[in-house]
Protein backbone atom coordinates (compact mmCIF):
# COMPACT_ATOMS: atom_id res chain seq x y z
CA MET A 1 0.01 0.04 0.07
CA LYS A 2 1.39 3.37 -1.08
CA LYS A 3 2.09 5.72 1.76
CA ASP A 4 0.27 9.02 1.88
CA ILE A 5 3.12 11.45 0.81
CA ASP A 6 1.03 14.38 1.81
CA ILE A 7 1.38 13.70 5.58
CA LEU A 8 4.55 13.89 7.41
CA THR A 9 5.75 12.64 10.83
CA ILE A 10 7.60 15.00 13.29
CA PRO A 11 10.94 13.54 12.31
CA GLN A 12 10.19 13.77 8.53
CA ALA A 13 9.03 17.38 9.09
CA ALA A 14 12.17 18.16 10.91
CA THR A 15 14.25 16.83 7.94
CA TYR A 16 12.43 18.91 5.47
CA CYS A 17 13.14 22.14 7.67
CA SER A 18 16.81 21.10 8.42
CA VAL A 19 16.09 21.25 12.02
CA THR A 20 16.36 18.81 14.92
CA ARG A 21 13.33 16.82 16.01
CA MET A 22 13.33 18.83 19.38
CA THR A 23 13.10 22.16 17.43
CA MET A 24 10.28 20.90 15.59
CA TRP A 25 8.59 19.65 18.73
CA ARG A 26 8.94 23.19 20.15
CA TRP A 27 7.28 24.75 17.15
CA VAL A 28 4.40 22.10 17.42
CA LYS A 29 3.95 22.65 21.18
CA ALA A 30 4.04 26.28 20.85
CA GLY A 31 1.09 26.12 18.32
CA GLU A 32 3.17 27.75 15.48
CA ILE A 33 2.45 24.78 13.17
CA LYS A 34 -0.67 23.05 12.54
CA VAL A 35 -0.81 19.32 13.56
CA SER A 36 -3.19 16.45 13.65
CA VAL A 37 -3.07 13.70 16.24
CA THR A 38 -3.90 10.10 15.33
CA ALA A 39 -6.09 7.75 17.50
CA GLY A 40 -2.70 6.28 18.65
CA GLY A 41 -1.55 9.63 19.79
CA HIS A 42 0.93 10.29 16.99
CA HIS A 43 1.43 13.71 15.55
CA ARG A 44 1.19 14.19 11.88
CA ILE A 45 1.80 17.56 9.75
CA LEU A 46 0.12 18.18 6.29
CA LYS A 47 2.70 19.24 3.60
CA GLU A 48 0.51 22.32 2.82
CA ASP A 49 0.62 23.39 6.53
CA LEU A 50 4.62 22.81 6.75
CA LYS A 51 5.01 24.95 3.36
CA ALA A 52 2.78 27.77 4.78
CA PHE A 53 4.90 27.58 8.10
CA LEU A 54 8.10 27.76 6.17
CA ARG A 55 6.89 30.83 4.13
CA GLU A 56 5.66 32.60 7.19
CA LYS A 57 9.01 32.09 9.06
CA GLY A 58 10.88 33.68 6.19
CA MET A 59 12.19 30.25 4.95
CA GLY A 60 10.66 30.42 1.40
CA LEU A 61 13.99 28.99 -0.34
CA ILE A 62 13.56 25.79 1.90
CA ALA A 63 9.82 25.62 1.02
CA ASP A 64 10.54 26.09 -2.68
CA LYS A 65 13.15 23.46 -2.58
CA HIS A 66 11.09 20.62 -0.88
CA PHE A 67 7.48 21.89 -2.27
CA PRO A 68 7.48 23.25 -5.80
CA PRO A 69 4.96 25.97 -6.09
CA ASN A 70 1.55 24.95 -7.69
CA ARG A 71 1.08 26.58 -11.05
CA ILE A 72 -1.76 28.42 -12.07
CA LEU A 73 -2.72 29.48 -15.63
CA ILE A 74 -4.97 32.67 -15.57
CA VAL A 75 -7.11 33.03 -18.67
CA ASP A 76 -8.98 36.46 -19.18
CA ASP A 77 -9.23 38.81 -22.06
CA ASP A 78 -8.95 41.87 -19.51
CA PRO A 79 -5.32 42.88 -19.02
CA LEU A 80 -6.20 44.44 -15.70
CA VAL A 81 -7.74 41.22 -14.39
CA LEU A 82 -4.59 39.26 -15.60
CA GLN A 83 -2.27 41.80 -13.82
CA SER A 84 -4.23 41.76 -10.53
CA LEU A 85 -4.62 38.01 -10.44
CA THR A 86 -1.08 37.34 -11.26
CA ILE A 87 0.11 39.71 -8.30
CA LEU A 88 -2.41 38.10 -5.99
CA PHE A 89 -1.35 34.50 -6.70
CA SER A 90 2.40 35.12 -7.01
CA LYS A 91 2.29 36.67 -3.27
CA ASN A 92 0.55 33.76 -2.15
CA GLY A 93 3.46 31.47 -3.40
CA TYR A 94 2.11 30.33 -6.72
CA GLU A 95 3.75 30.17 -10.06
CA THR A 96 1.57 31.92 -12.69
CA GLU A 97 1.24 32.21 -16.52
CA THR A 98 -1.36 34.01 -18.39
CA ALA A 99 -3.45 33.89 -21.50
CA SER A 100 -5.81 36.23 -23.10
CA ASP A 101 -8.05 33.83 -25.23
CA GLY A 102 -8.73 30.26 -25.74
CA PHE A 103 -6.40 29.57 -28.67
CA GLU A 104 -3.51 31.02 -26.43
CA THR A 105 -4.66 28.87 -23.67
CA GLY A 106 -4.04 25.65 -25.71
CA VAL A 107 -0.46 26.58 -26.16
CA LYS A 108 0.06 27.57 -22.71
CA ILE A 109 -1.27 24.42 -21.27
CA THR A 110 1.19 22.37 -23.09
CA GLN A 111 4.14 24.73 -22.23
CA PHE A 112 3.40 25.56 -18.80
CA ASN A 113 1.61 22.43 -17.50
CA PRO A 114 -0.48 24.00 -14.72
CA ASP A 115 -2.33 22.41 -11.89
CA ILE A 116 -5.20 24.75 -12.09
CA MET A 117 -6.73 27.16 -14.53
CA ILE A 118 -8.67 30.26 -13.57
CA LEU A 119 -10.84 30.70 -16.59
CA ASP A 120 -13.06 33.69 -17.80
CA LEU A 121 -16.20 32.71 -19.79
CA VAL A 122 -16.44 35.52 -22.36
CA MET A 123 -13.46 35.80 -24.48
CA PRO A 124 -12.69 36.24 -28.22
CA ARG A 125 -12.36 33.56 -30.71
CA MET A 126 -12.98 30.77 -28.22
CA ASP A 127 -14.94 31.27 -25.13
CA GLY A 128 -14.46 29.67 -21.77
CA PHE A 129 -16.95 26.91 -22.31
CA GLU A 130 -15.07 25.64 -25.19
CA VAL A 131 -11.78 25.86 -23.44
CA CYS A 132 -13.17 23.81 -20.51
CA ARG A 133 -14.69 21.14 -22.76
CA PHE A 134 -11.38 20.96 -24.73
CA LEU A 135 -9.42 20.41 -21.54
CA LYS A 136 -11.75 17.84 -20.02
CA ASN A 137 -12.14 15.85 -23.08
CA ASN A 138 -8.61 15.30 -23.47
CA PRO A 139 -7.33 12.54 -21.08
CA GLU A 140 -3.66 13.91 -21.04
CA ILE A 141 -4.71 17.15 -19.51
CA SER A 142 -8.19 16.47 -18.07
CA HIS A 143 -6.58 16.41 -14.51
CA ILE A 144 -6.06 20.29 -14.52
CA LYS A 145 -8.65 21.91 -12.35
CA VAL A 146 -10.77 24.44 -13.76
CA LEU A 147 -12.15 27.44 -11.80
CA ILE A 148 -14.55 29.63 -13.73
CA LEU A 149 -14.36 33.19 -12.74
CA THR A 150 -16.94 35.35 -14.52
CA GLY A 151 -18.70 38.64 -14.40
CA TYR A 152 -21.75 36.84 -16.02
CA ASN A 153 -23.17 35.19 -12.97
CA THR A 154 -26.10 33.31 -14.31
CA ILE A 155 -27.81 29.97 -13.48
CA GLU A 156 -27.57 29.14 -17.16
CA ASN A 157 -23.76 29.77 -17.21
CA LYS A 158 -23.21 27.90 -14.09
CA GLU A 159 -25.05 24.85 -15.39
CA GLU A 160 -23.29 25.18 -18.79
CA ALA A 161 -19.91 25.38 -16.92
CA ILE A 162 -20.68 22.16 -15.04
CA ARG A 163 -21.74 20.33 -18.17
CA ALA A 164 -18.46 21.50 -19.77
CA GLY A 165 -16.43 19.98 -16.78
CA ALA A 166 -15.59 22.96 -14.56
CA ASP A 167 -14.46 22.06 -11.07
CA ALA A 168 -15.76 25.33 -9.52
CA PHE A 169 -17.62 28.41 -10.50
CA MET A 170 -17.21 31.75 -8.96
CA ALA A 171 -18.55 35.41 -9.85
CA LYS A 172 -16.74 38.62 -10.14
CA PRO A 173 -16.12 40.60 -8.24
CA VAL A 174 -14.83 38.13 -5.56
CA SER A 175 -12.74 38.78 -2.55
CA ASN A 176 -8.95 37.62 -2.63
CA LYS A 177 -9.45 35.71 0.39
CA ALA A 178 -12.42 33.64 -0.98
CA LEU A 179 -10.47 33.13 -4.26
CA ILE A 180 -7.27 31.91 -2.63
CA GLN A 181 -9.25 29.63 -0.43
CA LYS A 182 -11.21 27.99 -3.25
CA THR A 183 -8.03 27.48 -5.10
CA LYS A 184 -6.44 25.76 -2.20
CA ASP A 185 -9.61 23.69 -1.78
CA LEU A 186 -9.40 22.64 -5.53
CA LEU A 187 -5.67 21.72 -5.22
CA LYS A 188 -6.48 19.64 -2.10
CA ASP A 189 -9.27 17.83 -4.00
CA SER A 190 -6.98 17.15 -6.99
CA ARG A 191 -4.59 15.18 -4.72
CA LYS A 192 -7.55 13.30 -3.32
CA GLY A 193 -9.13 12.69 -6.81
CA LYS A 194 -12.27 14.52 -6.19
CA ARG A 195 -14.45 16.80 -8.26
CA THR A 196 -17.14 19.10 -6.69
CA VAL A 197 -18.59 22.13 -8.53
CA LYS A 198 -19.80 24.75 -5.82
């Protein structure tokens, strides 16, 4: 049985951080890093929580060495949206790339190999529905999560996005906090093999 590589023991977490087990225990007992306790009393740390802890403590280089940043492809025909989302996700530790239409998106998918795509619906030449269908009908890239982010928040658009294979649907304007949280949730779901549209 394959061991869950997203969960670390205290000694494993200490090795990742290049510190002693005692130092890691001090951080845990001080509540500086999130831990879970198994039924048998063993402490476990999620890799995502360890990565966030390292970044908060100014150890971003160590975090990047052990945990390569998730890649996000931002697709929107509005340059201001592309710029603001790039800044937001970069500040939160993601590697970003942008595309301004559906055709450019196809090229960027193969070059950049994103983990998740933030996708606008209304774009020139190929709309977001078509992009989503193309991606989800291609077995080689269908694992990429698709978060629809649109200014056209209608029931019809949401239903069409679900039929096209979107993993999540959010309406503009959206708070930065909500967008980052939804992105984190989708990336966690991708590691568990889930697909839920909300």
